Each structure stands twice: as structure tokens, then as C-alpha cells.
């Protein structure tokens, strides 16, 4: 499972695995607690990256990274405590946007720096995603049990218990990493890189860097082209193809969001259709993964009672039906994004950068 999409929260799933108290490990700039406090102060003063068409390309990237790094960092205590799944979800969303920012703006920096920072984010994001995936699965099971009564709830208990145990094991690995010297090094390096004065980055920036108004149009059109390329395949596409489309839509969404302010009044009409498609495909993907794993659970647990097997098989049928329901309605989310009107609006907005 690759994880839930970035749109709104699902339900809350609690865990009994405790978080360590080790938030006072030291950085060059103080402790991890101090770094979180600095991130909170930045977010109190800054609500958006503020990218402008005249910004140098790498500096625009650092603006975006700075905001989402702060958003990620302020969620560390909550992710470690494990009491509210939305803390971890928000931390994961911020880490994914940082990875997307490196994907968009990384060519404004030397490749060794880009690869190093992206590798660090991939490690953190992988651990966050592993936990979030189980939160989503548990929420799907809990929602189904709630809709179908006490009998269904009892029948789904073995599956839920297995997924809770796996979720707790993954969260333990996450907490261990967030308490580790590797994560402290990650935080310290990012604070130094993102806090440096413009033009004081030495050999990190590439000499030929350009500005947002010169580079974003080609970048955005390239991401749109990746989405549009699915037009001849989307009707009747299999789930693997739709998963690829969801990823392409995610990159287009992030690219446009990074320059939301610079796009002006066209930003929302351009971004909302991408979000709608991503949400639709994300829900379908999550339901398909839940059905697949529940089916595997039945096959690998012969000790299940007849009643438990019946309830689990009913869950699988309901999930499969919901996957099909999403597939039948995909074009409602797809067509607005590939209309001539959308492309005209995108072209006009990028021309005004």
C-alpha cells in the first residue's frame, strides 16, 4: 500500500505503544525541542511560501521547503506520542511536499545536494507512510463494522487485531528513528540549508539557475502532459494504470500549489480539479488495498471460525463493490481536468507569472 492521499483526514485509530521522552537530544542549534519551537515561530509568522514570478529558481524552492519543513517538524512530538493519528498524517503530508519540492526545484541545485536531501526525506517518509497505511486500513475496517452492526464488528476483530499489532510495530520503528542521531542530523542540516542567507550557499546552487517566470511554465506543462497522456487509456483502465495516474496527478497538484500565490485568481480553479481526481483515485486505491489484504488474511489464517470467515468475506465483497463504484464514476473527475478550457486557463495563468 502506498498510503492515503493528501486530502482530508479519516477517523482516529489509537495505539497503546508509548513514545519515548527523548525530545531533548542535542543539535548544533540546541535541542530537538528548540528546533520544534523555531518551526512553530516560523509558522506563526508565515502562512504560505510566498513564491513570486521574479524569484530565483533555487530560492523559490527554498521558500517552499522552508514552509513544509516547519510544518513537518512541528508534528514530531505528536507523531511520537501516537495519541492522534492526524499528527502523523500531517507530518507525512509535509514530508511528501518537501520531496515534491525537491523534484520540482532540485535542478536549481547541485545534484549531490539534491540526492542527499531527497534520500533523507525518503527515509523519513517511508517510515511515516508505513504507519499511515495501517491507520487508513484500520479506519476502513472500523467504518465497515460500524455500518454493519455488532455481529460484523465481532467477526472483523481478528483482522483488526492483526493490523493493530502491525501498526504498533511500525510506529515503534518510526519513534526509534525520530529519536535517533540520524534524524537529528537531518533536522540540523535542513535548518542550516534553509536558514542560510540568499546567495550564501556556496557550491550548492547551480550557476545557471533562472527565475520562476522563466522555468515554471515548462515545468508545469510537463507535469500536465504526464496526466493528459492517460486520456486514451483512462476509460476502462485497470487499477495499476489508475495508480500511475494518481501519482502523476499528485505531482501536478504539488507543482501548481507551490506557485499558488503567483498564479493569482486562477490558482483555485486550476488546483481543485486535480485535487478532486486525486481524492477519487486515492479512495479507490485504499479500498482496493484493504480488500486485497483482507482476502490474504482469510487465506493465511485457517484458524478463523466460520462466523469470522463469513464476516471477513462480506467485508471483501463490500470493498470490491466500492472499488467498482469509484471506477464507474471516474470520468466525472477526469473530464474537467482534460478539457480545452482547463488548458486555456493554465496557459494564461503561466503566461502572467
Protein backbone atom coordinates (compact mmCIF):
# COMPACT_ATOMS: atom_id res chain seq x y z
CA UNK A 1 0.00 0.00 0.00
CA UNK A 2 1.38 3.41 -0.89
CA UNK A 3 -0.72 5.31 1.61
CA UNK A 4 -3.75 7.53 1.78
CA UNK A 5 -3.97 10.59 -0.42
CA UNK A 6 -3.41 14.01 0.99
CA UNK A 7 -6.99 15.08 1.20
CA UNK A 8 -8.89 15.27 4.46
CA UNK A 9 -8.50 13.08 7.46
CA UNK A 10 -10.11 9.77 8.04
CA UNK A 11 -11.10 8.58 11.52
CA UNK A 12 -8.83 8.26 14.51
CA UNK A 13 -7.19 5.00 15.49
CA UNK A 14 -5.43 4.96 18.82
CA UNK A 15 -2.46 2.83 19.80
CA UNK A 16 -1.05 1.65 23.07
CA UNK A 17 2.58 1.82 22.02
CA UNK A 18 4.26 4.51 24.09
CA UNK A 19 6.56 7.22 22.74
CA UNK A 20 9.95 7.93 24.33
CA UNK A 21 10.57 11.09 26.26
CA UNK A 22 13.76 11.74 24.27
CA UNK A 23 12.91 15.08 22.69
CA UNK A 24 15.91 16.79 24.30
CA UNK A 25 18.70 15.27 22.23
CA UNK A 26 21.10 17.97 21.12
CA UNK A 27 21.55 19.75 17.80
CA UNK A 28 24.03 22.45 16.88
CA UNK A 29 21.18 24.92 17.37
CA UNK A 30 20.03 23.45 20.69
CA UNK A 31 17.70 20.50 21.23
CA UNK A 32 15.04 18.95 19.07
CA UNK A 33 12.53 20.76 21.28
CA UNK A 34 14.26 24.03 20.34
CA UNK A 35 14.03 23.16 16.64
CA UNK A 36 10.31 22.47 17.01
CA UNK A 37 9.89 25.82 18.77
CA UNK A 38 11.68 27.61 15.90
CA UNK A 39 9.39 25.87 13.41
CA UNK A 40 6.32 26.98 15.37
CA UNK A 41 7.57 30.57 15.37
CA UNK A 42 8.08 30.48 11.60
CA UNK A 43 4.57 29.13 11.02
CA UNK A 44 3.10 31.78 13.29
CA UNK A 45 4.59 34.43 11.00
CA UNK A 46 4.23 32.66 7.62
CA UNK A 47 1.14 31.04 6.15
CA UNK A 48 2.40 30.41 2.61
CA UNK A 49 5.75 30.15 0.82
CA UNK A 50 5.17 33.47 -0.98
CA UNK A 51 6.79 32.42 -4.25
CA UNK A 52 6.87 35.20 -6.85
CA UNK A 53 7.46 35.03 -10.58
CA UNK A 54 10.65 37.05 -10.16
CA UNK A 55 12.18 34.77 -7.54
CA UNK A 56 15.40 32.98 -8.46
CA UNK A 57 14.52 29.33 -9.09
CA UNK A 58 16.54 27.82 -6.20
CA UNK A 59 15.37 30.48 -3.76
CA UNK A 60 11.75 29.73 -4.67
CA UNK A 61 12.49 26.11 -3.90
CA UNK A 62 13.94 27.03 -0.53
CA UNK A 63 10.86 29.11 0.28
CA UNK A 64 8.65 26.10 -0.35
CA UNK A 65 10.95 23.73 1.51
CA UNK A 66 11.25 26.09 4.47
CA UNK A 67 7.49 26.22 5.00
CA UNK A 68 6.88 22.50 4.68
CA UNK A 69 9.94 21.60 6.76
CA UNK A 70 8.46 23.71 9.57
CA UNK A 71 5.08 22.05 9.09
CA UNK A 72 6.73 18.65 9.31
CA UNK A 73 8.84 19.49 12.34
CA UNK A 74 6.00 20.82 14.49
CA UNK A 75 4.27 17.44 14.15
CA UNK A 76 7.19 15.43 15.52
CA UNK A 77 6.03 15.47 19.19
CA UNK A 78 2.51 14.40 18.25
CA UNK A 79 3.75 11.69 15.87
CA UNK A 80 5.97 10.31 18.61
CA UNK A 81 3.19 10.40 21.22
CA UNK A 82 0.85 8.46 18.94
CA UNK A 83 -2.34 9.71 20.56
CA UNK A 84 -3.80 11.44 17.50
CA UNK A 85 -3.23 9.80 14.06
CA UNK A 86 -3.72 13.18 12.39
CA UNK A 87 -0.43 14.41 13.85
CA UNK A 88 1.41 11.68 11.98
CA UNK A 89 -0.75 12.22 8.88
CA UNK A 90 0.09 15.93 8.80
CA UNK A 91 3.78 15.17 9.27
CA UNK A 92 3.67 12.76 6.37
CA UNK A 93 1.88 15.25 4.11
CA UNK A 94 4.54 17.87 4.86
CA UNK A 95 7.36 15.41 4.15
CA UNK A 96 5.76 14.46 0.83
CA UNK A 97 5.51 18.09 -0.18
CA UNK A 98 9.17 18.54 0.65
CA UNK A 99 10.03 15.61 -1.59
CA UNK A 100 7.87 17.13 -4.32
CA UNK A 101 9.63 20.48 -3.89
CA UNK A 102 12.99 18.81 -4.44
CA UNK A 103 11.55 17.14 -7.53
CA UNK A 104 10.41 20.48 -8.94
CA UNK A 105 13.20 22.81 -7.85
CA UNK A 106 16.05 20.36 -7.38
CA UNK A 107 17.57 21.16 -10.76
CA UNK A 108 18.45 24.57 -9.34
CA UNK A 109 20.99 22.90 -7.05
CA UNK A 110 23.98 20.65 -7.48
CA UNK A 111 22.97 17.03 -7.89
CA UNK A 112 24.86 15.70 -4.86
CA UNK A 113 22.96 18.06 -2.53
CA UNK A 114 19.65 17.20 -4.18
CA UNK A 115 20.25 13.46 -3.90
CA UNK A 116 21.35 13.69 -0.27
CA UNK A 117 18.37 15.70 0.93
CA UNK A 118 15.91 13.61 -1.08
CA UNK A 119 17.36 10.39 0.36
CA UNK A 120 16.90 11.70 3.90
CA UNK A 121 13.30 12.63 3.19
CA UNK A 122 12.63 9.27 1.57
CA UNK A 123 13.77 7.50 4.73
CA UNK A 124 11.54 9.61 6.98
CA UNK A 125 8.62 9.48 4.57
CA UNK A 126 8.84 5.73 4.24
CA UNK A 127 8.51 5.22 7.99
CA UNK A 128 5.66 7.71 8.23
CA UNK A 129 3.87 6.11 5.30
CA UNK A 130 4.20 2.63 6.77
CA UNK A 131 2.29 3.72 9.87
CA UNK A 132 -0.23 5.85 7.98
CA UNK A 133 -1.09 2.96 5.68
CA UNK A 134 -2.25 0.90 8.67
CA UNK A 135 -4.19 3.84 10.10
CA UNK A 136 -6.13 4.02 6.85
CA UNK A 137 -6.76 0.27 6.74
CA UNK A 138 -7.99 0.26 10.33
CA UNK A 139 -10.28 3.18 9.63
CA UNK A 140 -11.80 1.36 6.66
CA UNK A 141 -12.43 -1.74 8.80
CA UNK A 142 -13.85 0.28 11.68
CA UNK A 143 -16.15 2.18 9.35
CA UNK A 144 -17.48 -1.02 7.84
CA UNK A 145 -18.02 -2.59 11.27
CA UNK A 146 -19.88 0.48 12.48
CA UNK A 147 -22.20 0.44 9.47
CA UNK A 148 -23.00 -3.28 9.73
CA UNK A 149 -23.57 -3.80 13.43
CA UNK A 150 -22.20 -5.74 16.38
CA UNK A 151 -22.05 -9.10 14.60
CA UNK A 152 -19.89 -7.71 11.84
CA UNK A 153 -17.70 -5.98 14.40
CA UNK A 154 -17.07 -9.26 16.24
CA UNK A 155 -16.30 -11.07 13.01
CA UNK A 156 -13.74 -8.46 11.97
CA UNK A 157 -11.88 -8.50 15.31
CA UNK A 158 -9.13 -10.94 14.22
CA UNK A 159 -8.29 -8.85 11.17
CA UNK A 160 -8.33 -5.66 13.19
CA UNK A 161 -6.13 -7.15 15.91
CA UNK A 162 -3.58 -8.25 13.34
CA UNK A 163 -3.46 -4.85 11.71
CA UNK A 164 -3.22 -3.06 15.06
CA UNK A 165 -0.23 -5.21 16.01
CA UNK A 166 1.46 -4.45 12.70
CA UNK A 167 0.68 -0.76 13.03
CA UNK A 168 2.19 -0.63 16.52
CA UNK A 169 5.35 -2.39 15.35
CA UNK A 170 5.74 0.11 12.53
CA UNK A 171 5.18 3.03 14.88
CA UNK A 172 7.86 1.70 17.20
CA UNK A 173 10.31 1.78 14.29
CA UNK A 174 9.22 5.34 13.46
CA UNK A 175 9.66 6.56 17.04
CA UNK A 176 13.09 4.93 17.17
CA UNK A 177 14.12 6.82 14.04
CA UNK A 178 12.76 10.16 15.23
CA UNK A 179 14.83 9.72 18.41
CA UNK A 180 17.98 8.75 16.54
CA UNK A 181 21.18 10.70 15.73
CA UNK A 182 20.32 10.24 12.03
CA UNK A 183 17.11 12.23 12.42
CA UNK A 184 18.85 14.90 14.49
CA UNK A 185 21.43 15.24 11.73
CA UNK A 186 18.62 15.51 9.18
CA UNK A 187 17.00 18.33 11.17
CA UNK A 188 20.26 20.19 11.71
CA UNK A 189 21.31 20.02 8.06
CA UNK A 190 17.93 21.22 6.84
CA UNK A 191 17.82 24.10 9.30
CA UNK A 192 21.27 25.23 8.17
CA UNK A 193 20.44 24.90 4.47
CA UNK A 194 17.02 26.54 4.64
CA UNK A 195 18.11 29.28 7.03
CA UNK A 196 21.15 30.43 5.06
CA UNK A 197 21.01 33.89 3.51
CA UNK A 198 20.20 34.03 -0.20
CA UNK A 199 23.41 33.89 -2.20
CA UNK A 200 25.34 32.36 0.73
CA UNK A 201 25.03 28.72 -0.29
CA UNK A 202 28.45 28.32 -1.84
CA UNK A 203 28.63 25.46 -4.32
CA UNK A 204 25.15 24.13 -3.56
CA UNK A 205 23.37 26.24 -6.17
CA UNK A 206 23.96 25.77 -9.86
CA UNK A 207 25.29 28.88 -11.67
CA UNK A 208 22.57 28.87 -14.36
CA UNK A 209 19.50 28.90 -12.22
CA UNK A 210 16.89 31.16 -13.90
CA UNK A 211 13.75 32.60 -12.34
CA UNK A 212 10.31 31.24 -11.62
CA UNK A 213 8.61 33.03 -14.52
CA UNK A 214 11.16 31.55 -16.93
CA UNK A 215 11.20 27.98 -15.62
CA UNK A 216 7.81 27.22 -14.08
CA UNK A 217 5.78 27.31 -17.34
CA UNK A 218 7.77 24.45 -18.87
CA UNK A 219 7.78 22.58 -15.57
CA UNK A 220 4.03 22.86 -15.07
CA UNK A 221 3.21 21.93 -18.66
CA UNK A 222 5.47 18.90 -18.39
CA UNK A 223 3.58 17.70 -15.30
CA UNK A 224 0.25 18.37 -17.01
CA UNK A 225 1.42 16.42 -20.06
CA UNK A 226 2.13 13.39 -17.83
CA UNK A 227 -1.50 13.49 -16.68
CA UNK A 228 -3.02 14.20 -20.08
CA UNK A 229 -1.11 11.27 -21.57
CA UNK A 230 -3.58 8.94 -19.83
CA UNK A 231 -6.54 10.33 -21.79
CA UNK A 232 -6.73 7.46 -24.26
CA UNK A 233 -6.34 4.83 -21.52
CA UNK A 234 -8.42 6.14 -18.64
CA UNK A 235 -11.77 4.69 -19.76
CA UNK A 236 -11.74 1.08 -18.59
CA UNK A 237 -8.20 1.36 -17.20
CA UNK A 238 -7.03 -1.30 -14.76
CA UNK A 239 -6.12 -0.40 -11.20
CA UNK A 240 -2.38 -0.43 -11.88
CA UNK A 241 -2.83 2.22 -14.59
CA UNK A 242 -5.07 4.29 -12.33
CA UNK A 243 -2.42 4.12 -9.63
CA UNK A 244 0.10 5.57 -12.10
CA UNK A 245 -2.40 8.30 -12.97
CA UNK A 246 -2.87 9.11 -9.29
CA UNK A 247 0.88 9.61 -8.90
CA UNK A 248 1.04 11.83 -12.00
CA UNK A 249 -1.85 13.88 -10.63
CA UNK A 250 -0.08 14.24 -7.31
CA UNK A 251 2.99 15.78 -8.95
CA UNK A 252 0.86 18.19 -10.99
CA UNK A 253 -1.06 19.24 -7.88
CA UNK A 254 2.07 19.93 -5.85
CA UNK A 255 3.71 21.83 -8.70
CA UNK A 256 0.74 24.18 -9.01
CA UNK A 257 0.38 24.55 -5.24
CA UNK A 258 3.98 25.70 -4.91
CA UNK A 259 3.18 28.79 -7.00
CA UNK A 260 -0.41 29.27 -5.85
CA UNK A 261 0.09 32.94 -4.95
CA UNK A 262 1.88 33.72 -8.18
CA UNK A 263 -0.94 32.12 -10.20
CA UNK A 264 -3.39 34.57 -8.63
CA UNK A 265 -7.12 34.17 -9.21
CA UNK A 266 -6.56 31.16 -11.50
CA UNK A 267 -4.90 29.08 -8.77
CA UNK A 268 -8.02 27.58 -7.19
CA UNK A 269 -9.79 26.70 -10.49
CA UNK A 270 -6.59 25.02 -11.67
CA UNK A 271 -5.79 23.11 -8.47
CA UNK A 272 -9.28 21.99 -7.39
CA UNK A 273 -9.90 19.62 -10.36
CA UNK A 274 -6.54 17.94 -9.70
CA UNK A 275 -7.42 17.51 -6.03
CA UNK A 276 -10.81 16.04 -6.96
CA UNK A 277 -9.18 13.47 -9.24
CA UNK A 278 -6.53 12.63 -6.65
CA UNK A 279 -9.15 12.18 -3.93
CA UNK A 280 -11.25 9.91 -6.12
CA UNK A 281 -8.33 7.72 -7.13
CA UNK A 282 -6.91 7.75 -3.61
CA UNK A 283 -10.14 6.44 -2.11
CA UNK A 284 -10.36 3.75 -4.77
CA UNK A 285 -6.76 2.70 -4.19
CA UNK A 286 -7.16 2.50 -0.40
CA UNK A 287 -10.30 0.37 -0.73
CA UNK A 288 -8.59 -1.97 -3.20
CA UNK A 289 -5.59 -2.44 -0.91
CA UNK A 290 -7.85 -3.11 2.07
CA UNK A 291 -9.81 -5.72 0.10
CA UNK A 292 -6.63 -7.40 -1.13
CA UNK A 293 -5.06 -7.60 2.33
CA UNK A 294 -8.30 -8.80 3.93
CA UNK A 295 -8.56 -11.53 1.28
CA UNK A 296 -4.96 -12.55 2.01
CA UNK A 297 -5.71 -12.59 5.74
CA UNK A 298 -8.53 -15.07 5.21
CA UNK A 299 -6.31 -17.32 3.09
CA UNK A 300 -3.46 -17.36 5.62
CA UNK A 301 -5.48 -17.82 8.84
CA UNK A 302 -7.20 -21.22 8.70
CA UNK A 303 -7.94 -20.99 12.42
CA UNK A 304 -10.70 -18.44 11.80
CA UNK A 305 -14.15 -19.56 12.85
CA UNK A 306 -16.90 -19.99 10.28
CA UNK A 307 -18.62 -16.83 11.50
CA UNK A 308 -15.39 -14.83 11.33
CA UNK A 309 -14.68 -16.09 7.83
CA UNK A 310 -18.20 -15.19 6.72
CA UNK A 311 -17.93 -11.64 8.06
CA UNK A 312 -14.47 -11.14 6.53
CA UNK A 313 -15.67 -12.41 3.16
CA UNK A 314 -18.58 -9.98 3.41
CA UNK A 315 -16.12 -7.16 4.07
CA UNK A 316 -14.13 -8.11 0.98
CA UNK A 317 -17.27 -8.13 -1.19
CA UNK A 318 -18.32 -4.71 0.10
CA UNK A 319 -14.89 -3.24 -0.53
CA UNK A 320 -14.70 -4.71 -4.02
CA UNK A 321 -18.11 -3.20 -4.78
CA UNK A 322 -16.93 0.22 -3.63
CA UNK A 323 -13.83 -0.08 -5.81
CA UNK A 324 -16.08 -0.78 -8.79
CA UNK A 325 -18.34 2.14 -7.83
CA UNK A 326 -15.35 4.50 -7.97
CA UNK A 327 -14.27 3.07 -11.30
CA UNK A 328 -17.69 3.67 -12.83
CA UNK A 329 -17.60 7.34 -11.80
CA UNK A 330 -14.01 8.18 -12.69
CA UNK A 331 -14.83 10.23 -15.79
CA UNK A 332 -16.71 12.75 -13.65
CA UNK A 333 -13.38 13.70 -12.07
CA UNK A 334 -11.29 13.18 -15.19
CA UNK A 335 -13.06 15.20 -17.87
CA UNK A 336 -12.83 18.66 -16.21
CA UNK A 337 -9.06 18.25 -15.97
CA UNK A 338 -8.51 17.46 -19.65
CA UNK A 339 -10.94 19.95 -21.13
CA UNK A 340 -9.75 22.68 -23.54
CA UNK A 341 -10.97 25.25 -21.02
CA UNK A 342 -8.63 23.91 -18.36
CA UNK A 343 -5.64 24.08 -20.69
CA UNK A 344 -6.53 27.62 -21.74
CA UNK A 345 -6.71 28.74 -18.12
CA UNK A 346 -3.42 27.03 -17.32
CA UNK A 347 -1.69 28.70 -20.26
CA UNK A 348 -2.98 32.16 -19.34
CA UNK A 349 -2.01 31.80 -15.70
CA UNK A 350 1.53 30.64 -16.50
CA UNK A 351 1.94 33.45 -19.03
CA UNK A 352 1.21 36.00 -16.29
CA UNK A 353 3.95 34.76 -13.98
